[in-house]
Amino acid sequence: MLYVLKYIWPQDPNDMVYIFCAYRKWAITLFEKLSKKHKNIILVDSPKKLTYAFVKKHNPKFIFFPDWSWIVPENIVKNFRCVCIHESDLPKFRGGSPLQNQIIRGIKKTKSTAFLMSTGLDDGDIIQKMNLSLTDSIQDIFERMIDNDFKMIEKIIKGNFKTRKQTGRPTVFKRRTPQESELKSLDHQLSYLYDFIRMLDDPYPNAFVTIGKRRISFKNPKLVGNRLQFTGEIF
């Protein structure tokens, strides 16, 4: 049986307070875009600032998490409407580094998924999904994420939406570590090397190889025919 929960708030959205939790450049761009329409949206860019006392003081209608790498305190999740936007077709690819964990497996098309957070790992009720292409550079993907997230957040702020339970078999992946950015071998297809380098472009720990005492890092890859071009640095 599918249970549907519908939220409708008659209040003017401009009279409500929203908290926006993010720290990467692309997400700050999203915040700036939202703040042009909503003067009462507050940016939190550090886990030290996200305390229960702070949230209770502002009493937000929603707390948005489009870009967050830390565990949200349980008393915040349980007492406020926390909305996470996860870049996968949930319940697939729950957990950390969803972009990288999909790209390295050759996935080209996925979803941006907005859901109500619970105390479980990315298992809350779905609010909305939007198509997301994982092709081209990581910056191109960020631009698509900004567009998706803006549209979904705007819809949520209007306060008229339905939720549904997650369905399907979940898959869970761990957040990648900087050590996993090392290419142990170059004996891969160029398409794999291209995906490996582009998924780890700035702001992520860049792909690298180790030769003796030197580290060579790669960024800005371009696949041109049977040649892989990139910018490299030697450390």
Protein backbone atom coordinates (compact mmCIF):
# COMPACT_ATOMS: atom_id res chain seq x y z
CA MET A 1 0.00 0.00 0.00
CA LEU A 2 1.31 3.46 -0.90
CA TYR A 3 0.85 6.16 1.70
CA VAL A 4 0.84 9.72 0.40
CA LEU A 5 1.38 12.71 2.64
CA LYS A 6 0.46 16.14 1.31
CA TYR A 7 1.68 19.37 2.85
CA ILE A 8 -0.30 22.58 2.25
CA TRP A 9 0.55 25.80 4.08
CA PRO A 10 -1.65 28.81 3.40
CA GLN A 11 0.91 31.24 4.76
CA ASP A 12 2.85 33.50 2.47
CA PRO A 13 6.24 31.80 1.80
CA ASN A 14 7.88 35.21 2.12
CA ASP A 15 6.88 35.30 5.79
CA MET A 16 8.71 32.05 6.55
CA VAL A 17 12.35 31.39 7.38
CA TYR A 18 14.44 28.77 5.60
CA ILE A 19 17.91 27.45 6.41
CA PHE A 20 20.19 26.43 3.55
CA CYS A 21 23.13 24.17 4.45
CA ALA A 22 25.94 24.09 1.89
CA TYR A 23 29.63 24.92 1.48
CA ARG A 24 30.85 24.11 -2.04
CA LYS A 25 31.04 26.83 -4.70
CA TRP A 26 28.26 25.41 -6.90
CA ALA A 27 25.88 25.21 -3.93
CA ILE A 28 26.70 28.76 -2.83
CA THR A 29 25.75 29.83 -6.36
CA LEU A 30 22.43 28.04 -5.85
CA PHE A 31 21.96 29.85 -2.53
CA GLU A 32 22.63 33.22 -4.13
CA LYS A 33 20.08 32.45 -6.83
CA LEU A 34 17.47 31.52 -4.22
CA SER A 35 18.25 34.50 -1.98
CA LYS A 36 17.34 36.88 -4.80
CA LYS A 37 13.77 35.66 -4.45
CA HIS A 38 13.71 34.83 -0.75
CA LYS A 39 15.29 37.35 1.61
CA ASN A 40 14.57 35.14 4.62
CA ILE A 41 16.82 32.24 3.63
CA ILE A 42 19.83 31.74 5.91
CA LEU A 43 23.11 30.16 4.78
CA VAL A 44 24.88 27.69 7.08
CA ASP A 45 28.26 26.71 5.64
CA SER A 46 29.81 24.83 8.56
CA PRO A 47 28.65 21.96 10.79
CA LYS A 48 29.74 23.99 13.83
CA LYS A 49 26.99 26.52 13.05
CA LEU A 50 24.27 23.90 12.67
CA THR A 51 23.24 23.51 16.29
CA TYR A 52 19.83 22.76 17.72
CA ALA A 53 19.83 26.10 19.56
CA PHE A 54 20.54 27.98 16.32
CA VAL A 55 17.83 26.17 14.40
CA LYS A 56 15.27 26.55 17.20
CA LYS A 57 15.98 30.28 17.40
CA HIS A 58 15.09 30.76 13.72
CA ASN A 59 12.36 28.10 13.64
CA PRO A 60 12.63 27.47 9.88
CA LYS A 61 9.83 26.02 7.80
CA PHE A 62 12.42 23.89 6.02
CA ILE A 63 16.12 23.17 6.31
CA PHE A 64 17.61 22.38 2.91
CA PHE A 65 20.68 20.17 2.46
CA PRO A 66 21.71 20.25 -1.21
CA ASP A 67 25.41 19.90 -0.40
CA TRP A 68 26.46 18.55 2.99
CA SER A 69 29.20 16.13 4.08
CA TRP A 70 28.42 15.79 7.78
CA ILE A 71 25.93 13.93 9.92
CA VAL A 72 22.99 16.17 10.85
CA PRO A 73 22.22 16.09 14.60
CA GLU A 74 19.35 13.74 15.33
CA ASN A 75 17.42 16.29 17.39
CA ILE A 76 17.35 18.59 14.35
CA VAL A 77 16.17 15.85 11.97
CA LYS A 78 13.43 14.75 14.37
CA ASN A 79 12.10 18.22 15.19
CA PHE A 80 12.35 20.13 11.89
CA ARG A 81 11.49 19.45 8.26
CA CYS A 82 14.89 18.65 6.77
CA VAL A 83 15.04 18.25 3.00
CA CYS A 84 18.07 16.59 1.42
CA ILE A 85 18.76 16.65 -2.31
CA HIS A 86 20.71 13.56 -3.31
CA GLU A 87 22.14 13.14 -6.78
CA SER A 88 20.96 9.60 -7.49
CA ASP A 89 17.78 7.73 -8.30
CA LEU A 90 17.03 6.72 -4.72
CA PRO A 91 17.01 4.14 -3.28
CA LYS A 92 19.93 3.43 -5.62
CA PHE A 93 23.32 4.79 -4.60
CA ARG A 94 22.50 5.84 -1.08
CA GLY A 95 25.48 7.10 0.90
CA GLY A 96 28.48 9.25 0.09
CA SER A 97 30.00 10.42 -3.20
CA PRO A 98 26.95 9.58 -5.34
CA LEU A 99 28.29 11.38 -8.43
CA GLN A 100 31.62 9.58 -8.38
CA ASN A 101 30.18 6.19 -7.45
CA GLN A 102 27.86 6.37 -10.46
CA ILE A 103 30.26 7.87 -13.02
CA ILE A 104 33.00 5.30 -12.32
CA ARG A 105 30.43 2.57 -13.01
CA GLY A 106 29.62 4.02 -16.41
CA ILE A 107 26.24 5.52 -15.50
CA LYS A 108 25.34 8.43 -17.77
CA LYS A 109 21.77 9.20 -16.66
CA THR A 110 20.50 9.49 -13.10
CA LYS A 111 18.17 11.65 -11.00
CA SER A 112 18.28 14.55 -8.56
CA THR A 113 16.12 13.34 -5.68
CA ALA A 114 14.60 15.61 -3.02
CA PHE A 115 13.45 13.74 0.07
CA LEU A 116 12.47 14.34 3.68
CA MET A 117 15.34 13.30 5.91
CA SER A 118 14.94 10.66 8.59
CA THR A 119 17.43 9.16 11.02
CA GLY A 120 18.25 6.45 8.45
CA LEU A 121 20.75 6.74 5.60
CA ASP A 122 19.06 8.50 2.65
CA ASP A 123 15.88 6.47 3.25
CA GLY A 124 13.30 9.24 3.78
CA ASP A 125 10.12 9.83 1.82
CA ILE A 126 10.58 11.11 -1.74
CA ILE A 127 9.30 14.60 -2.59
CA GLN A 128 10.40 14.87 -6.20
CA LYS A 129 12.86 13.53 -8.76
CA MET A 130 14.32 15.25 -11.82
CA ASN A 131 16.47 13.84 -14.62
CA LEU A 132 20.21 14.50 -14.33
CA SER A 133 22.81 13.80 -16.99
CA LEU A 134 26.26 12.72 -15.77
CA THR A 135 28.01 13.44 -19.07
CA ASP A 136 30.62 16.15 -19.74
CA SER A 137 32.69 17.91 -17.07
CA ILE A 138 31.92 17.97 -13.35
CA GLN A 139 31.24 21.71 -13.70
CA ASP A 140 28.64 20.98 -16.38
CA ILE A 141 27.01 18.51 -14.00
CA PHE A 142 27.03 21.13 -11.24
CA GLU A 143 25.19 23.56 -13.53
CA ARG A 144 22.48 20.96 -14.13
CA MET A 145 22.28 20.28 -10.39
CA ILE A 146 21.81 24.00 -9.69
CA ASP A 147 18.96 24.14 -12.18
CA ASN A 148 17.29 21.00 -10.78
CA ASP A 149 17.75 21.96 -7.14
CA PHE A 150 16.44 25.48 -7.68
CA LYS A 151 13.26 24.19 -9.30
CA MET A 152 12.66 21.58 -6.60
CA ILE A 153 13.32 23.97 -3.72
CA GLU A 154 11.01 26.56 -5.23
CA LYS A 155 8.26 23.95 -5.44
CA ILE A 156 8.82 22.88 -1.84
CA ILE A 157 8.78 26.48 -0.60
CA LYS A 158 5.37 26.93 -2.19
CA GLY A 159 4.23 24.25 0.23
CA ASN A 160 2.06 22.15 -2.03
CA PHE A 161 3.62 18.76 -2.69
CA LYS A 162 3.15 15.07 -2.11
CA THR A 163 5.55 12.52 -0.69
CA ARG A 164 5.90 8.82 -1.31
CA LYS A 165 7.86 5.98 0.17
CA GLN A 166 11.03 4.82 -1.52
CA THR A 167 10.54 1.65 -3.52
CA GLY A 168 12.97 -0.83 -5.01
CA ARG A 169 16.07 -2.54 -3.75
CA PRO A 170 18.48 -0.10 -2.05
CA THR A 171 22.17 0.03 -2.86
CA VAL A 172 24.59 1.75 -0.50
CA PHE A 173 28.07 3.10 -1.19
CA LYS A 174 30.68 4.68 1.05
CA ARG A 175 32.09 8.17 0.63
CA ARG A 176 35.29 8.03 -1.38
CA THR A 177 38.57 8.91 0.33
CA PRO A 178 41.39 11.05 -1.14
CA GLN A 179 43.52 7.91 -1.36
CA GLU A 180 41.00 6.44 -3.80
CA SER A 181 41.86 9.24 -6.26
CA GLU A 182 45.06 7.42 -7.13
CA LEU A 183 45.16 5.66 -10.48
CA LYS A 184 46.97 2.42 -9.79
CA SER A 185 47.32 1.65 -13.47
CA LEU A 186 46.96 3.39 -16.82
CA ASP A 187 46.10 0.10 -18.53
CA HIS A 188 42.43 1.03 -18.87
CA GLN A 189 40.31 2.15 -21.77
CA LEU A 190 40.61 5.89 -22.42
CA SER A 191 36.90 6.29 -21.66
CA TYR A 192 37.48 4.89 -18.15
CA LEU A 193 40.49 7.16 -17.56
CA TYR A 194 38.49 10.14 -18.81
CA ASP A 195 35.61 9.36 -16.44
CA PHE A 196 38.01 8.79 -13.54
CA ILE A 197 39.73 12.15 -14.04
CA ARG A 198 36.62 14.25 -14.77
CA MET A 199 34.66 12.91 -11.77
CA LEU A 200 37.52 14.06 -9.51
CA ASP A 201 38.01 17.51 -11.00
CA ASP A 202 37.96 20.50 -8.61
CA PRO A 203 36.65 20.79 -5.92
CA TYR A 204 37.31 17.07 -5.31
CA PRO A 205 40.68 15.45 -4.58
CA ASN A 206 42.08 15.26 -8.10
CA ALA A 207 43.05 12.02 -9.80
CA PHE A 208 46.78 11.28 -9.60
CA VAL A 209 49.49 8.72 -10.23
CA THR A 210 52.60 8.13 -8.16
CA ILE A 211 55.96 7.67 -9.85
CA GLY A 212 58.82 7.18 -7.41
CA LYS A 213 58.68 10.07 -4.97
CA ARG A 214 56.61 12.24 -7.29
CA ARG A 215 52.87 12.64 -7.60
CA ILE A 216 51.34 13.73 -10.90
CA SER A 217 47.77 15.03 -10.64
CA PHE A 218 45.27 15.41 -13.47
CA LYS A 219 42.38 17.77 -14.14
CA ASN A 220 40.39 19.35 -17.01
CA PRO A 221 40.34 16.18 -19.16
CA LYS A 222 39.21 16.15 -22.78
CA LEU A 223 38.67 13.01 -24.83
CA VAL A 224 39.55 13.80 -28.44
CA GLY A 225 39.36 10.76 -30.69
CA ASN A 226 41.92 8.26 -29.43
CA ARG A 227 43.73 10.85 -27.31
CA LEU A 228 43.10 11.95 -23.72
CA GLN A 229 44.21 15.50 -23.01
CA PHE A 230 44.44 17.03 -19.55
CA THR A 231 46.15 19.58 -17.33
CA GLY A 232 48.81 18.03 -15.11
CA GLU A 233 50.83 19.06 -12.06
CA ILE A 234 53.89 17.40 -10.56
CA PHE A 235 54.38 17.44 -6.79
